[in-house]
Amino acid sequence: MKRALLATALVIMCVVLSGCTLYFGGWATAGGRVVERVDGVPVPGATVSLKSVSNPDYGLNCVTDQKGYWATPVKLKCDMYDVTVSKNGYVEVGPFGFPMPKRGAHYTMETIEMEKPQEKPDK
């Protein structure tokens, strides 16, 4: 009797846990680098915003370090993300799509290049 009860509890627990994984689709991390387009100099303090395409209320912002690198501080659910990069004094980049389909993976984004706005000549 106790064995049957234990086996039933184990099966129920497995079903519940697998249902959570199926519902949330798994988790992944991401990172990359932001540099200036002209000379490849790192852009520290740029905000990299990742927003879920399937649920726009879900996402997060990361800030680049002194060498222009950023990484998600937590795992994100596997999904397609719209990415936007911004910093005062630079032209905003994006949004552009970034897929993160495989759970447990780390996705490295290609280097993002930012540029300063073109100055208009005086007339």
C-alpha atoms as a PDB file:
ATOM      1  CA  MET A   1       0.000   0.000   0.000  1.00  0.00           C
ATOM      2  CA  LYS A   2       2.756   2.463   0.939  1.00  0.00           C
ATOM      3  CA  ARG A   3       4.667   1.588  -2.231  1.00  0.00           C
ATOM      4  CA  ALA A   4       1.637   2.260  -4.403  1.00  0.00           C
ATOM      5  CA  LEU A   5       1.046   5.578  -2.665  1.00  0.00           C
ATOM      6  CA  LEU A   6       4.705   6.554  -3.060  1.00  0.00           C
ATOM      7  CA  ALA A   7       4.690   5.569  -6.746  1.00  0.00           C
ATOM      8  CA  THR A   8       1.510   7.575  -7.342  1.00  0.00           C
ATOM      9  CA  ALA A   9       2.974  10.623  -5.602  1.00  0.00           C
ATOM     10  CA  LEU A  10       6.148  10.308  -7.672  1.00  0.00           C
ATOM     11  CA  VAL A  11       4.174  10.111 -10.936  1.00  0.00           C
ATOM     12  CA  ILE A  12       2.077  13.146  -9.979  1.00  0.00           C
ATOM     13  CA  MET A  13       5.194  15.130  -9.079  1.00  0.00           C
ATOM     14  CA  CYS A  14       6.824  14.259 -12.425  1.00  0.00           C
ATOM     15  CA  VAL A  15       3.706  15.308 -14.340  1.00  0.00           C
ATOM     16  CA  VAL A  16       3.488  18.613 -12.463  1.00  0.00           C
ATOM     17  CA  LEU A  17       7.178  19.412 -12.964  1.00  0.00           C
ATOM     18  CA  SER A  18       7.137  18.504 -16.650  1.00  0.00           C
ATOM     19  CA  GLY A  19       4.014  20.625 -17.062  1.00  0.00           C
ATOM     20  CA  CYS A  20       5.869  23.612 -15.614  1.00  0.00           C
ATOM     21  CA  THR A  21       8.703  23.102 -18.064  1.00  0.00           C
ATOM     22  CA  LEU A  22       6.291  22.791 -20.971  1.00  0.00           C
ATOM     23  CA  TYR A  23       4.339  25.871 -19.870  1.00  0.00           C
ATOM     24  CA  PHE A  24       7.357  28.094 -19.364  1.00  0.00           C
ATOM     25  CA  GLY A  25       9.296  26.608 -22.275  1.00  0.00           C
ATOM     26  CA  GLY A  26      12.591  26.517 -20.413  1.00  0.00           C
ATOM     27  CA  TRP A  27      15.134  29.186 -19.619  1.00  0.00           C
ATOM     28  CA  ALA A  28      18.241  30.609 -21.263  1.00  0.00           C
ATOM     29  CA  THR A  29      20.748  33.439 -20.833  1.00  0.00           C
ATOM     30  CA  ALA A  30      22.150  35.972 -23.283  1.00  0.00           C
ATOM     31  CA  GLY A  31      24.983  38.451 -23.605  1.00  0.00           C
ATOM     32  CA  GLY A  32      26.986  40.483 -26.073  1.00  0.00           C
ATOM     33  CA  ARG A  33      28.947  43.656 -26.678  1.00  0.00           C
ATOM     34  CA  VAL A  34      28.159  47.218 -27.772  1.00  0.00           C
ATOM     35  CA  VAL A  35      30.787  49.319 -29.590  1.00  0.00           C
ATOM     36  CA  GLU A  36      30.982  52.549 -31.586  1.00  0.00           C
ATOM     37  CA  ARG A  37      30.485  51.953 -35.297  1.00  0.00           C
ATOM     38  CA  VAL A  38      33.306  54.251 -36.441  1.00  0.00           C
ATOM     39  CA  ASP A  39      36.236  52.937 -34.425  1.00  0.00           C
ATOM     40  CA  GLY A  40      35.025  49.909 -32.458  1.00  0.00           C
ATOM     41  CA  VAL A  41      35.514  51.627 -29.089  1.00  0.00           C
ATOM     42  CA  PRO A  42      33.338  50.075 -26.335  1.00  0.00           C
ATOM     43  CA  VAL A  43      30.158  51.930 -25.351  1.00  0.00           C
ATOM     44  CA  PRO A  44      29.902  51.675 -21.542  1.00  0.00           C
ATOM     45  CA  GLY A  45      26.569  52.471 -19.897  1.00  0.00           C
ATOM     46  CA  ALA A  46      24.400  51.553 -22.905  1.00  0.00           C
ATOM     47  CA  THR A  47      21.032  49.999 -22.042  1.00  0.00           C
ATOM     48  CA  VAL A  48      20.220  46.738 -23.829  1.00  0.00           C
ATOM     49  CA  SER A  49      16.482  46.083 -23.582  1.00  0.00           C
ATOM     50  CA  LEU A  50      15.067  42.607 -24.297  1.00  0.00           C
ATOM     51  CA  LYS A  51      11.264  42.317 -24.587  1.00  0.00           C
ATOM     52  CA  SER A  52       9.445  39.050 -25.236  1.00  0.00           C
ATOM     53  CA  VAL A  53       7.568  39.057 -28.548  1.00  0.00           C
ATOM     54  CA  SER A  54       4.879  36.686 -27.222  1.00  0.00           C
ATOM     55  CA  ASN A  55       4.431  38.662 -23.979  1.00  0.00           C
ATOM     56  CA  PRO A  56       5.576  42.322 -24.262  1.00  0.00           C
ATOM     57  CA  ASP A  57       5.196  42.776 -20.477  1.00  0.00           C
ATOM     58  CA  TYR A  58       8.024  40.261 -19.986  1.00  0.00           C
ATOM     59  CA  GLY A  59      11.649  41.265 -20.439  1.00  0.00           C
ATOM     60  CA  LEU A  60      14.520  43.078 -18.830  1.00  0.00           C
ATOM     61  CA  ASN A  61      17.164  45.751 -19.272  1.00  0.00           C
ATOM     62  CA  CYS A  62      20.923  45.199 -19.031  1.00  0.00           C
ATOM     63  CA  VAL A  63      23.642  47.857 -18.898  1.00  0.00           C
ATOM     64  CA  THR A  64      27.014  47.488 -20.604  1.00  0.00           C
ATOM     65  CA  ASP A  65      30.181  47.513 -18.501  1.00  0.00           C
ATOM     66  CA  GLN A  66      33.333  49.598 -19.143  1.00  0.00           C
ATOM     67  CA  LYS A  67      34.382  47.238 -21.952  1.00  0.00           C
ATOM     68  CA  GLY A  68      30.948  47.363 -23.613  1.00  0.00           C
ATOM     69  CA  TYR A  69      29.888  43.869 -22.523  1.00  0.00           C
ATOM     70  CA  TRP A  70      26.461  42.988 -21.168  1.00  0.00           C
ATOM     71  CA  ALA A  71      24.818  39.796 -19.889  1.00  0.00           C
ATOM     72  CA  THR A  72      21.398  38.915 -18.575  1.00  0.00           C
ATOM     73  CA  PRO A  73      21.617  38.787 -14.769  1.00  0.00           C
ATOM     74  CA  VAL A  74      18.880  36.140 -14.694  1.00  0.00           C
ATOM     75  CA  LYS A  75      17.642  33.460 -17.057  1.00  0.00           C
ATOM     76  CA  LEU A  76      14.971  34.438 -19.567  1.00  0.00           C
ATOM     77  CA  LYS A  77      12.223  32.177 -20.834  1.00  0.00           C
ATOM     78  CA  CYS A  78      12.953  30.671 -24.239  1.00  0.00           C
ATOM     79  CA  ASP A  79      11.240  32.925 -26.780  1.00  0.00           C
ATOM     80  CA  MET A  80      11.830  35.481 -29.525  1.00  0.00           C
ATOM     81  CA  TYR A  81      12.904  38.863 -28.130  1.00  0.00           C
ATOM     82  CA  ASP A  82      12.809  42.373 -29.552  1.00  0.00           C
ATOM     83  CA  VAL A  83      16.109  44.036 -28.661  1.00  0.00           C
ATOM     84  CA  THR A  84      16.694  47.788 -28.447  1.00  0.00           C
ATOM     85  CA  VAL A  85      19.986  49.456 -27.473  1.00  0.00           C
ATOM     86  CA  SER A  86      20.087  53.055 -26.284  1.00  0.00           C
ATOM     87  CA  LYS A  87      22.382  55.596 -24.662  1.00  0.00           C
ATOM     88  CA  ASN A  88      22.307  59.381 -24.464  1.00  0.00           C
ATOM     89  CA  GLY A  89      24.440  60.872 -27.221  1.00  0.00           C
ATOM     90  CA  TYR A  90      23.927  57.900 -29.577  1.00  0.00           C
ATOM     91  CA  VAL A  91      21.337  56.897 -32.163  1.00  0.00           C
ATOM     92  CA  GLU A  92      19.076  54.166 -30.764  1.00  0.00           C
ATOM     93  CA  VAL A  93      19.544  50.730 -32.370  1.00  0.00           C
ATOM     94  CA  GLY A  94      16.551  48.444 -32.950  1.00  0.00           C
ATOM     95  CA  PRO A  95      14.238  46.963 -32.300  1.00  0.00           C
ATOM     96  CA  PHE A  96      15.480  43.792 -33.954  1.00  0.00           C
ATOM     97  CA  GLY A  97      14.576  40.154 -33.360  1.00  0.00           C
ATOM     98  CA  PHE A  98      16.762  37.840 -31.295  1.00  0.00           C
ATOM     99  CA  PRO A  99      15.685  34.193 -30.944  1.00  0.00           C
ATOM    100  CA  MET A 100      16.422  32.218 -27.784  1.00  0.00           C
ATOM    101  CA  PRO A 101      14.770  28.856 -28.574  1.00  0.00           C
ATOM    102  CA  LYS A 102      16.796  26.274 -26.628  1.00  0.00           C
ATOM    103  CA  ARG A 103      16.481  25.939 -22.862  1.00  0.00           C
ATOM    104  CA  GLY A 104      19.645  25.843 -20.810  1.00  0.00           C
ATOM    105  CA  ALA A 105      21.655  27.593 -23.542  1.00  0.00           C
ATOM    106  CA  HIS A 106      23.649  30.817 -23.458  1.00  0.00           C
ATOM    107  CA  TYR A 107      23.129  32.999 -26.531  1.00  0.00           C
ATOM    108  CA  THR A 108      25.861  35.427 -27.544  1.00  0.00           C
ATOM    109  CA  MET A 109      24.535  38.253 -29.676  1.00  0.00           C
ATOM    110  CA  GLU A 110      26.689  39.611 -32.487  1.00  0.00           C
ATOM    111  CA  THR A 111      28.445  42.871 -31.628  1.00  0.00           C
ATOM    112  CA  ILE A 112      26.022  45.792 -31.741  1.00  0.00           C
ATOM    113  CA  GLU A 113      27.384  48.968 -33.314  1.00  0.00           C
ATOM    114  CA  MET A 114      26.105  52.373 -32.224  1.00  0.00           C
ATOM    115  CA  GLU A 115      26.784  55.730 -33.801  1.00  0.00           C
ATOM    116  CA  LYS A 116      26.544  59.315 -32.701  1.00  0.00           C
ATOM    117  CA  PRO A 117      23.990  61.498 -34.501  1.00  0.00           C
ATOM    118  CA  GLN A 118      25.216  63.311 -37.594  1.00  0.00           C
ATOM    119  CA  GLU A 119      25.769  66.993 -36.951  1.00  0.00           C
ATOM    120  CA  LYS A 120      23.921  69.248 -39.350  1.00  0.00           C
ATOM    121  CA  PRO A 121      26.138  71.823 -41.044  1.00  0.00           C
ATOM    122  CA  ASP A 122      25.386  75.480 -40.291  1.00  0.00           C
ATOM    123  CA  LYS A 123      23.745  77.350 -43.152  1.00  0.00           C
END
